[in-house]
Amino acid sequence: MTGKVIPFNPLDKKNLGASVAEALLSKEAHPLSDLPVFEGAGIYAIYYTGDFSAYQPISRLNSDGKFLLPIYVGKAVPAGARMGANQELAAGKVLHKRLKEHAESIKAAENLNIEDFHCRFLVVDDIWIPLGESLIIARFTPVWNSLIDGFGNHNPGKGRHAGMRPRWDVLHPGRAWALSLAERPETAAQIAQDAETYLRVLPACLSAQFIEAEGE
């Protein structure tokens, strides 16, 4: 008995999102310290190649220009997008600005070197940004998106430093505003050990291919 073959539908929501994810991962990787200036909103992936002990499985996969496993994946949407603002609103340089903010966080860290970071970025229509980002995070489970939170955090502002210091800032101290937050019960060594354990089991699939025709 022959099973039913479902035709591939390129306009299916998941396939449209997958095409965005694939497009990002086909882009050239740029040094995070030397980004070209560009306009637009979109998604990005940051890659690590340095010698921080806990991240060695990531560095090996990203060596020799392969860039197979991002350490962090994120998005930048136009101002007002979360509130349903005018869809024709110009995005400006929001994606470029977000990547520059990440570069400044890394430069501030005492035990990271900006020269060890590269990134891929994709300018894309607003509607596909969240779906493309979520698919890439689900595929690669980047350690800074999951286990070690806080890399993408902003300074909470004057009078709002009541929260706990993010794990990222405990492991990678240096951002001045994070020092105003409450100390965590965990030490940097404990968080590094968690990262080593987490990275012993790498994603089952490191392929940049997301779209598979049904029935293949």
N, C-alpha and C. Protein backbone atom coordinates (compact mmCIF):
# COMPACT_ATOMS: atom_id res chain seq x y z
N MET A 1 0.84 -1.18 0.00
CA MET A 1 0.00 0.00 0.00
C MET A 1 0.89 1.25 0.00
N THR A 2 0.62 2.15 -0.91
CA THR A 2 1.42 3.35 -1.06
C THR A 2 0.90 4.46 -0.15
N GLY A 3 1.80 5.08 0.60
CA GLY A 3 1.39 6.16 1.48
C GLY A 3 1.09 7.42 0.70
N LYS A 4 0.30 8.26 1.29
CA LYS A 4 -0.08 9.52 0.65
C LYS A 4 1.09 10.50 0.70
N VAL A 5 1.41 11.08 -0.46
CA VAL A 5 2.48 12.07 -0.53
C VAL A 5 1.85 13.45 -0.53
N ILE A 6 2.25 14.27 0.43
CA ILE A 6 1.72 15.63 0.53
C ILE A 6 2.60 16.56 -0.29
N PRO A 7 2.05 17.26 -1.25
CA PRO A 7 2.86 18.15 -2.09
C PRO A 7 3.51 19.26 -1.27
N PHE A 8 4.72 19.60 -1.67
CA PHE A 8 5.43 20.69 -1.02
C PHE A 8 4.75 22.01 -1.36
N ASN A 9 4.46 22.79 -0.33
CA ASN A 9 3.80 24.08 -0.52
C ASN A 9 4.76 25.19 -0.11
N PRO A 10 5.38 25.90 -1.08
CA PRO A 10 6.35 26.93 -0.72
C PRO A 10 5.74 28.11 0.03
N LEU A 11 4.40 28.25 -0.03
CA LEU A 11 3.76 29.37 0.64
C LEU A 11 3.24 29.00 2.03
N ASP A 12 3.49 27.76 2.46
CA ASP A 12 3.14 27.38 3.82
C ASP A 12 3.94 28.24 4.80
N LYS A 13 3.30 28.63 5.89
CA LYS A 13 3.95 29.53 6.85
C LYS A 13 5.31 29.01 7.32
N LYS A 14 5.39 27.73 7.63
CA LYS A 14 6.64 27.21 8.16
C LYS A 14 7.73 27.21 7.10
N ASN A 15 7.34 27.01 5.83
CA ASN A 15 8.33 27.02 4.76
C ASN A 15 8.79 28.43 4.43
N LEU A 16 7.91 29.39 4.54
CA LEU A 16 8.31 30.78 4.35
C LEU A 16 9.31 31.19 5.44
N GLY A 17 9.01 30.80 6.67
CA GLY A 17 9.94 31.10 7.76
C GLY A 17 11.27 30.39 7.58
N ALA A 18 11.19 29.15 7.12
CA ALA A 18 12.41 28.37 6.90
C ALA A 18 13.27 28.98 5.80
N SER A 19 12.65 29.55 4.79
CA SER A 19 13.42 30.18 3.72
C SER A 19 14.18 31.39 4.25
N VAL A 20 13.60 32.09 5.22
CA VAL A 20 14.30 33.22 5.85
C VAL A 20 15.50 32.71 6.64
N ALA A 21 15.31 31.63 7.39
CA ALA A 21 16.40 31.05 8.18
C ALA A 21 17.54 30.60 7.26
N GLU A 22 17.21 29.94 6.18
CA GLU A 22 18.23 29.48 5.24
C GLU A 22 18.97 30.66 4.61
N ALA A 23 18.23 31.70 4.29
CA ALA A 23 18.85 32.88 3.68
C ALA A 23 19.88 33.50 4.62
N LEU A 24 19.55 33.58 5.92
CA LEU A 24 20.51 34.13 6.88
C LEU A 24 21.79 33.30 6.90
N LEU A 25 21.64 31.99 6.96
CA LEU A 25 22.80 31.12 7.12
C LEU A 25 23.63 30.98 5.85
N SER A 26 23.13 31.52 4.75
CA SER A 26 23.91 31.53 3.51
C SER A 26 24.72 32.82 3.36
N LYS A 27 24.50 33.77 4.27
CA LYS A 27 25.17 35.05 4.19
C LYS A 27 26.64 34.95 4.61
N GLU A 28 27.43 35.89 4.13
CA GLU A 28 28.83 35.98 4.51
C GLU A 28 28.93 36.34 5.98
N ALA A 29 29.91 35.75 6.66
CA ALA A 29 30.17 36.10 8.06
C ALA A 29 31.12 37.28 8.12
N HIS A 30 30.76 38.30 8.90
CA HIS A 30 31.57 39.51 9.04
C HIS A 30 32.17 39.56 10.45
N PRO A 31 33.38 40.09 10.60
CA PRO A 31 33.89 40.32 11.95
C PRO A 31 32.95 41.28 12.70
N LEU A 32 32.59 40.94 13.91
CA LEU A 32 31.68 41.79 14.68
C LEU A 32 32.34 43.14 15.01
N SER A 33 33.65 43.18 14.97
CA SER A 33 34.37 44.41 15.27
C SER A 33 34.44 45.36 14.08
N ASP A 34 34.03 44.91 12.90
CA ASP A 34 34.19 45.72 11.69
C ASP A 34 32.98 45.53 10.78
N LEU A 35 31.82 45.98 11.24
CA LEU A 35 30.59 45.80 10.48
C LEU A 35 30.41 46.91 9.45
N PRO A 36 29.93 46.56 8.26
CA PRO A 36 29.55 47.60 7.32
C PRO A 36 28.29 48.30 7.83
N VAL A 37 28.12 49.56 7.50
CA VAL A 37 26.91 50.29 7.88
C VAL A 37 25.81 49.97 6.88
N PHE A 38 24.62 49.64 7.38
CA PHE A 38 23.52 49.29 6.48
C PHE A 38 22.19 49.66 7.13
N GLU A 39 21.18 49.78 6.31
CA GLU A 39 19.83 50.11 6.75
C GLU A 39 19.01 48.83 6.89
N GLY A 40 18.00 48.88 7.75
CA GLY A 40 17.03 47.81 7.79
C GLY A 40 16.92 47.08 9.10
N ALA A 41 15.84 46.32 9.23
CA ALA A 41 15.60 45.44 10.37
C ALA A 41 15.81 43.99 9.92
N GLY A 42 15.90 43.08 10.88
CA GLY A 42 16.08 41.69 10.48
C GLY A 42 16.57 40.79 11.59
N ILE A 43 17.27 39.74 11.20
CA ILE A 43 17.77 38.72 12.13
C ILE A 43 19.27 38.56 11.96
N TYR A 44 19.89 37.95 12.98
CA TYR A 44 21.34 37.79 12.93
C TYR A 44 21.77 36.59 13.77
N ALA A 45 22.97 36.11 13.49
CA ALA A 45 23.60 35.04 14.26
C ALA A 45 25.03 35.46 14.57
N ILE A 46 25.44 35.27 15.83
CA ILE A 46 26.79 35.62 16.27
C ILE A 46 27.57 34.35 16.56
N TYR A 47 28.82 34.32 16.11
CA TYR A 47 29.66 33.12 16.21
C TYR A 47 30.93 33.43 17.01
N TYR A 48 31.36 32.43 17.81
CA TYR A 48 32.54 32.59 18.66
C TYR A 48 33.64 31.64 18.20
N THR A 49 34.90 32.14 18.18
CA THR A 49 36.03 31.31 17.77
C THR A 49 37.20 31.38 18.75
N GLY A 50 36.98 31.93 19.93
CA GLY A 50 38.07 32.17 20.87
C GLY A 50 38.42 30.97 21.74
N ASP A 51 39.19 31.26 22.80
CA ASP A 51 39.75 30.17 23.62
C ASP A 51 39.14 30.09 25.02
N PHE A 52 37.98 30.74 25.24
CA PHE A 52 37.32 30.60 26.54
C PHE A 52 36.98 29.13 26.75
N SER A 53 37.47 28.57 27.84
CA SER A 53 37.45 27.12 28.04
C SER A 53 36.08 26.47 27.85
N ALA A 54 35.05 27.06 28.45
CA ALA A 54 33.72 26.44 28.41
C ALA A 54 33.13 26.39 27.00
N TYR A 55 33.63 27.24 26.11
CA TYR A 55 33.04 27.34 24.77
C TYR A 55 33.85 26.62 23.68
N GLN A 56 34.76 25.75 24.08
CA GLN A 56 35.61 25.11 23.08
C GLN A 56 34.85 24.28 22.03
N PRO A 57 33.76 23.59 22.41
CA PRO A 57 33.00 22.88 21.36
C PRO A 57 32.45 23.83 20.29
N ILE A 58 32.08 25.05 20.70
CA ILE A 58 31.59 26.05 19.74
C ILE A 58 32.74 26.52 18.86
N SER A 59 33.88 26.83 19.47
CA SER A 59 35.03 27.33 18.72
C SER A 59 35.49 26.33 17.66
N ARG A 60 35.49 25.05 18.02
CA ARG A 60 35.93 24.04 17.05
C ARG A 60 35.01 24.02 15.83
N LEU A 61 33.72 24.13 16.07
CA LEU A 61 32.77 24.08 14.95
C LEU A 61 32.80 25.35 14.11
N ASN A 62 33.32 26.43 14.66
CA ASN A 62 33.38 27.69 13.93
C ASN A 62 34.78 28.01 13.39
N SER A 63 35.70 27.08 13.55
CA SER A 63 37.08 27.32 13.11
C SER A 63 37.19 27.22 11.60
N ASP A 64 38.27 27.78 11.07
CA ASP A 64 38.58 27.70 9.63
C ASP A 64 37.45 28.26 8.76
N GLY A 65 36.74 29.24 9.28
CA GLY A 65 35.70 29.88 8.48
C GLY A 65 34.44 29.08 8.27
N LYS A 66 34.25 28.01 9.06
CA LYS A 66 33.05 27.16 8.85
C LYS A 66 31.80 27.81 9.45
N PHE A 67 31.91 28.37 10.65
CA PHE A 67 30.79 29.05 11.30
C PHE A 67 29.51 28.19 11.26
N LEU A 68 29.57 27.07 11.98
CA LEU A 68 28.46 26.11 11.98
C LEU A 68 27.50 26.28 13.16
N LEU A 69 27.99 26.82 14.29
CA LEU A 69 27.16 26.85 15.50
C LEU A 69 27.19 28.24 16.13
N PRO A 70 26.10 29.00 16.02
CA PRO A 70 26.07 30.33 16.65
C PRO A 70 26.06 30.23 18.17
N ILE A 71 26.66 31.23 18.81
CA ILE A 71 26.61 31.31 20.26
C ILE A 71 25.39 32.13 20.69
N TYR A 72 24.86 32.93 19.74
CA TYR A 72 23.69 33.75 20.03
C TYR A 72 22.97 34.09 18.74
N VAL A 73 21.65 34.09 18.80
CA VAL A 73 20.81 34.46 17.66
C VAL A 73 19.81 35.50 18.14
N GLY A 74 19.57 36.52 17.33
CA GLY A 74 18.65 37.56 17.75
C GLY A 74 17.98 38.26 16.59
N LYS A 75 17.22 39.29 16.94
CA LYS A 75 16.48 40.05 15.93
C LYS A 75 16.47 41.52 16.31
N ALA A 76 16.20 42.35 15.33
CA ALA A 76 16.01 43.78 15.55
C ALA A 76 14.84 44.21 14.70
N VAL A 77 13.81 44.75 15.35
CA VAL A 77 12.60 45.19 14.66
C VAL A 77 12.52 46.72 14.71
N PRO A 78 11.82 47.32 13.76
CA PRO A 78 11.70 48.78 13.77
C PRO A 78 11.01 49.28 15.02
N ALA A 79 11.35 50.48 15.44
CA ALA A 79 10.68 51.10 16.58
C ALA A 79 9.19 51.19 16.32
N GLY A 80 8.38 50.76 17.29
CA GLY A 80 6.93 50.79 17.13
C GLY A 80 6.35 49.52 16.57
N ALA A 81 7.20 48.57 16.15
CA ALA A 81 6.67 47.34 15.54
C ALA A 81 5.86 46.53 16.53
N ARG A 82 6.28 46.53 17.80
CA ARG A 82 5.56 45.74 18.80
C ARG A 82 4.17 46.32 19.11
N MET A 83 3.97 47.57 18.76
CA MET A 83 2.70 48.22 19.05
C MET A 83 1.81 48.33 17.81
N GLY A 84 2.20 47.67 16.73
CA GLY A 84 1.39 47.68 15.54
C GLY A 84 1.40 49.02 14.84
N ALA A 85 2.55 49.67 14.83
CA ALA A 85 2.65 50.97 14.19
C ALA A 85 2.54 50.83 12.68
N ASN A 86 2.52 51.97 12.00
CA ASN A 86 2.42 52.02 10.55
C ASN A 86 3.40 51.05 9.90
N GLN A 87 2.89 50.17 9.06
CA GLN A 87 3.73 49.15 8.43
C GLN A 87 4.74 49.75 7.46
N GLU A 88 4.50 50.98 7.03
CA GLU A 88 5.42 51.63 6.09
C GLU A 88 6.52 52.39 6.82
N LEU A 89 6.54 52.33 8.14
CA LEU A 89 7.53 53.05 8.92
C LEU A 89 8.94 52.57 8.55
N ALA A 90 9.82 53.52 8.25
CA ALA A 90 11.19 53.16 7.87
C ALA A 90 11.90 52.53 9.06
N ALA A 91 12.63 51.46 8.79
CA ALA A 91 13.32 50.74 9.87
C ALA A 91 14.56 51.49 10.35
N GLY A 92 15.17 52.28 9.47
CA GLY A 92 16.42 52.92 9.85
C GLY A 92 17.54 51.89 9.95
N LYS A 93 18.49 52.12 10.83
CA LYS A 93 19.64 51.23 10.98
C LYS A 93 19.49 50.35 12.23
N VAL A 94 18.28 49.88 12.53
CA VAL A 94 18.05 49.18 13.80
C VAL A 94 18.85 47.88 13.92
N LEU A 95 19.01 47.15 12.82
CA LEU A 95 19.77 45.90 12.89
C LEU A 95 21.25 46.19 13.09
N HIS A 96 21.76 47.16 12.38
CA HIS A 96 23.16 47.55 12.55
C HIS A 96 23.40 48.03 13.98
N LYS A 97 22.48 48.86 14.50
CA LYS A 97 22.62 49.38 15.86
C LYS A 97 22.63 48.25 16.88
N ARG A 98 21.77 47.25 16.70
CA ARG A 98 21.70 46.13 17.65
C ARG A 98 23.02 45.36 17.68
N LEU A 99 23.58 45.13 16.52
CA LEU A 99 24.85 44.41 16.46
C LEU A 99 25.98 45.23 17.08
N LYS A 100 25.94 46.53 16.91
CA LYS A 100 26.95 47.39 17.54
C LYS A 100 26.81 47.36 19.06
N GLU A 101 25.57 47.30 19.55
CA GLU A 101 25.36 47.20 21.00
C GLU A 101 25.96 45.89 21.53
N HIS A 102 25.77 44.81 20.79
CA HIS A 102 26.36 43.53 21.21
C HIS A 102 27.88 43.61 21.21
N ALA A 103 28.44 44.26 20.21
CA ALA A 103 29.89 44.42 20.16
C ALA A 103 30.40 45.17 21.38
N GLU A 104 29.67 46.20 21.81
CA GLU A 104 30.08 46.96 22.99
C GLU A 104 30.01 46.11 24.26
N SER A 105 28.99 45.25 24.37
CA SER A 105 28.89 44.35 25.53
C SER A 105 30.10 43.42 25.59
N ILE A 106 30.49 42.89 24.43
CA ILE A 106 31.63 41.97 24.38
C ILE A 106 32.93 42.70 24.71
N LYS A 107 33.08 43.91 24.19
CA LYS A 107 34.29 44.70 24.48
C LYS A 107 34.40 45.00 25.97
N ALA A 108 33.25 45.17 26.63
CA ALA A 108 33.26 45.48 28.06
C ALA A 108 33.63 44.28 28.92
N ALA A 109 33.40 43.08 28.41
CA ALA A 109 33.65 41.87 29.20
C ALA A 109 35.15 41.67 29.42
N GLU A 110 35.50 41.30 30.64
CA GLU A 110 36.91 41.16 31.00
C GLU A 110 37.58 39.93 30.37
N ASN A 111 36.78 38.93 30.03
CA ASN A 111 37.37 37.66 29.57
C ASN A 111 36.93 37.26 28.16
N LEU A 112 36.49 38.24 27.37
CA LEU A 112 36.15 37.99 25.97
C LEU A 112 36.91 38.99 25.10
N ASN A 113 37.18 38.58 23.85
CA ASN A 113 37.89 39.42 22.89
C ASN A 113 37.00 39.62 21.67
N ILE A 114 36.71 40.86 21.32
CA ILE A 114 35.83 41.14 20.20
C ILE A 114 36.36 40.54 18.89
N GLU A 115 37.66 40.36 18.80
CA GLU A 115 38.24 39.80 17.57
C GLU A 115 37.86 38.33 17.38
N ASP A 116 37.32 37.70 18.41
CA ASP A 116 36.93 36.28 18.33
C ASP A 116 35.48 36.10 17.91
N PHE A 117 34.82 37.17 17.49
CA PHE A 117 33.40 37.10 17.17
C PHE A 117 33.13 37.52 15.72
N HIS A 118 32.28 36.75 15.07
CA HIS A 118 31.79 37.07 13.73
C HIS A 118 30.27 37.04 13.76
N CYS A 119 29.65 37.58 12.73
CA CYS A 119 28.19 37.52 12.67
C CYS A 119 27.71 37.43 11.23
N ARG A 120 26.55 36.85 11.09
CA ARG A 120 25.79 36.90 9.85
C ARG A 120 24.53 37.70 10.13
N PHE A 121 24.07 38.46 9.14
CA PHE A 121 22.83 39.22 9.34
C PHE A 121 22.03 39.24 8.04
N LEU A 122 20.72 39.38 8.21
CA LEU A 122 19.81 39.38 7.07
C LEU A 122 18.75 40.44 7.28
N VAL A 123 18.68 41.40 6.37
CA VAL A 123 17.60 42.39 6.38
C VAL A 123 16.37 41.74 5.75
N VAL A 124 15.25 41.78 6.47
CA VAL A 124 14.06 41.05 6.01
C VAL A 124 12.81 41.82 6.43
N ASP A 125 11.73 41.65 5.68
CA ASP A 125 10.47 42.30 6.03
C ASP A 125 10.05 41.92 7.44
N ASP A 126 9.47 42.90 8.15
CA ASP A 126 9.16 42.73 9.58
C ASP A 126 8.38 41.47 9.90
N ILE A 127 7.43 41.11 9.04
CA ILE A 127 6.51 40.01 9.35
C ILE A 127 7.23 38.69 9.53
N TRP A 128 8.41 38.52 8.89
CA TRP A 128 9.12 37.23 8.95
C TRP A 128 10.22 37.19 9.99
N ILE A 129 10.46 38.32 10.64
CA ILE A 129 11.58 38.37 11.59
C ILE A 129 11.39 37.40 12.77
N PRO A 130 10.27 37.44 13.49
CA PRO A 130 10.14 36.54 14.66
C PRO A 130 10.17 35.06 14.29
N LEU A 131 9.55 34.70 13.17
CA LEU A 131 9.51 33.29 12.79
C LEU A 131 10.89 32.79 12.38
N GLY A 132 11.61 33.60 11.60
CA GLY A 132 12.96 33.20 11.20
C GLY A 132 13.87 33.05 12.40
N GLU A 133 13.79 33.98 13.34
CA GLU A 133 14.61 33.91 14.54
C GLU A 133 14.29 32.66 15.35
N SER A 134 13.01 32.38 15.56
CA SER A 134 12.63 31.24 16.41
C SER A 134 13.06 29.92 15.79
N LEU A 135 13.00 29.80 14.47
CA LEU A 135 13.42 28.56 13.82
C LEU A 135 14.92 28.31 14.00
N ILE A 136 15.71 29.37 13.89
CA ILE A 136 17.16 29.21 14.04
C ILE A 136 17.52 28.89 15.48
N ILE A 137 16.88 29.55 16.43
CA ILE A 137 17.13 29.23 17.83
C ILE A 137 16.74 27.78 18.14
N ALA A 138 15.61 27.34 17.61
CA ALA A 138 15.18 25.96 17.86
C ALA A 138 16.16 24.96 17.25
N ARG A 139 16.75 25.27 16.09
CA ARG A 139 17.69 24.36 15.45
C ARG A 139 19.00 24.26 16.21
N PHE A 140 19.55 25.39 16.66
CA PHE A 140 20.90 25.41 17.21
C PHE A 140 20.97 25.54 18.73
N THR A 141 19.87 25.87 19.38
CA THR A 141 19.84 26.09 20.83
C THR A 141 21.09 26.82 21.34
N PRO A 142 21.36 28.03 20.83
CA PRO A 142 22.60 28.73 21.22
C PRO A 142 22.69 28.93 22.73
N VAL A 143 23.89 28.76 23.25
CA VAL A 143 24.07 28.76 24.71
C VAL A 143 23.74 30.12 25.32
N TRP A 144 23.96 31.22 24.61
CA TRP A 144 23.62 32.53 25.15
C TRP A 144 22.14 32.87 25.00
N ASN A 145 21.40 32.06 24.26
CA ASN A 145 19.95 32.24 24.20
C ASN A 145 19.23 31.42 25.26
N SER A 146 19.90 30.42 25.78
CA SER A 146 19.21 29.46 26.64
C SER A 146 19.83 29.41 28.04
N LEU A 147 20.95 28.78 28.15
CA LEU A 147 21.54 28.52 29.47
C LEU A 147 22.10 29.78 30.13
N ILE A 148 22.81 30.59 29.35
CA ILE A 148 23.48 31.78 29.91
C ILE A 148 22.73 33.01 29.42
N ASP A 149 21.75 33.42 30.21
CA ASP A 149 20.87 34.50 29.79
C ASP A 149 21.47 35.87 30.08
N GLY A 150 20.97 36.88 29.37
CA GLY A 150 21.31 38.25 29.71
C GLY A 150 22.19 38.99 28.73
N PHE A 151 22.79 38.29 27.75
CA PHE A 151 23.68 38.97 26.80
C PHE A 151 22.96 40.12 26.10
N GLY A 152 21.71 39.91 25.71
CA GLY A 152 20.98 40.92 24.97
C GLY A 152 20.29 41.96 25.84
N ASN A 153 20.48 41.90 27.15
CA ASN A 153 19.81 42.85 28.04
C ASN A 153 20.37 44.26 27.89
N HIS A 154 19.50 45.25 28.13
CA HIS A 154 19.91 46.64 28.16
C HIS A 154 20.03 47.11 29.61
N ASN A 155 20.70 48.22 29.79
CA ASN A 155 20.74 48.87 31.10
C ASN A 155 19.30 49.19 31.51
N PRO A 156 18.83 48.67 32.65
CA PRO A 156 17.44 48.91 33.06
C PRO A 156 17.15 50.37 33.42
N GLY A 157 18.16 51.19 33.54
CA GLY A 157 17.93 52.61 33.79
C GLY A 157 17.99 52.99 35.26
N LYS A 158 18.16 54.26 35.48
CA LYS A 158 18.30 54.77 36.85
C LYS A 158 17.05 54.46 37.68
N GLY A 159 17.28 53.97 38.89
CA GLY A 159 16.18 53.69 39.79
C GLY A 159 15.48 52.36 39.54
N ARG A 160 16.00 51.57 38.57
CA ARG A 160 15.34 50.30 38.24
C ARG A 160 16.30 49.12 38.40
N HIS A 161 17.33 49.28 39.22
CA HIS A 161 18.31 48.22 39.39
C HIS A 161 17.95 47.32 40.56
N ALA A 162 16.75 46.78 40.53
CA ALA A 162 16.31 45.91 41.62
C ALA A 162 16.42 44.43 41.25
N GLY A 163 16.63 44.14 39.97
CA GLY A 163 16.68 42.76 39.53
C GLY A 163 18.00 42.08 39.85
N MET A 164 18.05 40.79 39.54
CA MET A 164 19.27 40.02 39.78
C MET A 164 20.19 40.10 38.56
N ARG A 165 21.47 40.09 38.81
CA ARG A 165 22.47 40.15 37.74
C ARG A 165 22.32 38.94 36.80
N PRO A 166 22.29 39.17 35.50
CA PRO A 166 22.17 38.03 34.57
C PRO A 166 23.34 37.07 34.67
N ARG A 167 23.10 35.83 34.32
CA ARG A 167 24.17 34.82 34.36
C ARG A 167 25.32 35.24 33.44
N TRP A 168 24.97 35.87 32.30
CA TRP A 168 26.01 36.29 31.36
C TRP A 168 26.99 37.24 32.02
N ASP A 169 26.49 38.15 32.83
CA ASP A 169 27.35 39.14 33.47
C ASP A 169 28.14 38.57 34.64
N VAL A 170 27.67 37.47 35.20
CA VAL A 170 28.48 36.79 36.22
C VAL A 170 29.65 36.08 35.56
N LEU A 171 29.38 35.41 34.44
CA LEU A 171 30.43 34.66 33.74
C LEU A 171 31.37 35.59 32.98
N HIS A 172 30.84 36.70 32.49
CA HIS A 172 31.63 37.64 31.69
C HIS A 172 31.51 39.05 32.26
N PRO A 173 32.08 39.29 33.45
CA PRO A 173 31.92 40.59 34.11
C PRO A 173 32.57 41.72 33.32
N GLY A 174 31.99 42.92 33.47
CA GLY A 174 32.58 44.08 32.83
C GLY A 174 31.58 45.18 32.50
N ARG A 175 30.33 44.83 32.22
CA ARG A 175 29.34 45.86 31.93
C ARG A 175 29.03 46.61 33.23
N ALA A 176 29.28 47.90 33.24
CA ALA A 176 29.18 48.68 34.47
C ALA A 176 27.79 48.65 35.07
N TRP A 177 26.75 48.71 34.24
CA TRP A 177 25.40 48.77 34.79
C TRP A 177 25.01 47.48 35.50
N ALA A 178 25.60 46.35 35.09
CA ALA A 178 25.25 45.07 35.72
C ALA A 178 25.75 44.98 37.15
N LEU A 179 26.78 45.76 37.47
CA LEU A 179 27.31 45.75 38.83
C LEU A 179 26.31 46.33 39.84
N SER A 180 25.33 47.11 39.34
CA SER A 180 24.33 47.69 40.23
C SER A 180 23.20 46.73 40.56
N LEU A 181 23.17 45.58 39.88
CA LEU A 181 22.12 44.59 40.11
C LEU A 181 22.50 43.66 41.25
N ALA A 182 21.50 43.01 41.81
CA ALA A 182 21.74 42.10 42.94
C ALA A 182 22.60 40.92 42.51
N GLU A 183 23.49 40.50 43.39
CA GLU A 183 24.37 39.38 43.09
C GLU A 183 23.57 38.08 43.02
N ARG A 184 24.05 37.19 42.17
CA ARG A 184 23.43 35.86 42.06
C ARG A 184 24.03 34.92 43.10
N PRO A 185 23.32 33.86 43.43
CA PRO A 185 23.90 32.87 44.34
C PRO A 185 24.95 32.00 43.65
N GLU A 186 24.97 32.00 42.31
CA GLU A 186 25.93 31.17 41.57
C GLU A 186 27.23 31.93 41.33
N THR A 187 28.32 31.20 41.26
CA THR A 187 29.61 31.78 40.92
C THR A 187 29.86 31.62 39.42
N ALA A 188 30.86 32.37 38.94
CA ALA A 188 31.25 32.24 37.54
C ALA A 188 31.70 30.81 37.23
N ALA A 189 32.42 30.20 38.16
CA ALA A 189 32.90 28.83 37.94
C ALA A 189 31.74 27.85 37.80
N GLN A 190 30.70 28.03 38.60
CA GLN A 190 29.54 27.14 38.51
C GLN A 190 28.82 27.31 37.17
N ILE A 191 28.70 28.55 36.71
CA ILE A 191 28.03 28.80 35.44
C ILE A 191 28.87 28.25 34.28
N ALA A 192 30.18 28.41 34.37
CA ALA A 192 31.07 27.86 33.34
C ALA A 192 30.94 26.33 33.28
N GLN A 193 30.84 25.70 34.44
CA GLN A 193 30.66 24.24 34.48
C GLN A 193 29.33 23.85 33.84
N ASP A 194 28.29 24.62 34.10
CA ASP A 194 26.99 24.37 33.46
C ASP A 194 27.12 24.46 31.94
N ALA A 195 27.87 25.45 31.47
CA ALA A 195 28.05 25.62 30.03
C ALA A 195 28.81 24.45 29.42
N GLU A 196 29.84 23.99 30.11
CA GLU A 196 30.60 22.83 29.62
C GLU A 196 29.70 21.61 29.51
N THR A 197 28.87 21.39 30.53
CA THR A 197 27.95 20.25 30.51
C THR A 197 26.94 20.40 29.38
N TYR A 198 26.39 21.59 29.23
CA TYR A 198 25.39 21.87 28.19
C TYR A 198 25.96 21.60 26.80
N LEU A 199 27.21 21.98 26.58
CA LEU A 199 27.81 21.87 25.24
C LEU A 199 28.41 20.50 24.95
N ARG A 200 28.31 19.59 25.92
CA ARG A 200 28.74 18.21 25.62
C ARG A 200 27.77 17.54 24.66
N VAL A 201 26.53 17.99 24.69
CA VAL A 201 25.51 17.45 23.77
C VAL A 201 25.16 18.56 22.79
N LEU A 202 25.72 18.47 21.59
CA LEU A 202 25.51 19.51 20.60
C LEU A 202 24.25 19.22 19.79
N PRO A 203 23.72 20.22 19.09
CA PRO A 203 22.51 19.99 18.28
C PRO A 203 22.68 18.82 17.32
N ALA A 204 21.62 18.05 17.16
CA ALA A 204 21.68 16.87 16.29
C ALA A 204 21.92 17.26 14.84
N CYS A 205 21.46 18.43 14.45
CA CYS A 205 21.58 18.87 13.06
C CYS A 205 22.20 20.26 13.02
N LEU A 206 23.35 20.37 12.35
CA LEU A 206 24.00 21.67 12.18
C LEU A 206 23.86 22.17 10.74
N SER A 207 23.00 21.53 10.00
CA SER A 207 22.80 21.91 8.61
C SER A 207 22.13 23.28 8.51
N ALA A 208 22.43 23.98 7.41
CA ALA A 208 21.76 25.27 7.14
C ALA A 208 20.47 25.05 6.36
N GLN A 209 20.15 23.78 6.07
CA GLN A 209 18.91 23.49 5.33
C GLN A 209 17.75 23.32 6.29
N PHE A 210 16.71 24.07 6.06
CA PHE A 210 15.50 24.00 6.91
C PHE A 210 14.31 23.46 6.14
N ILE A 211 14.29 23.64 4.82
CA ILE A 211 13.13 23.25 4.03
C ILE A 211 13.34 21.85 3.48
N GLU A 212 12.39 21.00 3.79
CA GLU A 212 12.40 19.63 3.24
C GLU A 212 11.02 19.35 2.66
N ALA A 213 11.02 18.91 1.42
CA ALA A 213 9.75 18.59 0.79
C ALA A 213 9.10 17.41 1.48
N GLU A 214 7.78 17.46 1.69
CA GLU A 214 7.06 16.37 2.33
C GLU A 214 7.18 15.11 1.50
N GLY A 215 7.40 13.99 2.19
CA GLY A 215 7.46 12.70 1.49
C GLY A 215 8.84 12.30 1.06
N GLU A 216 9.85 13.18 1.27
CA GLU A 216 11.21 12.83 0.91
C GLU A 216 11.79 11.84 1.92
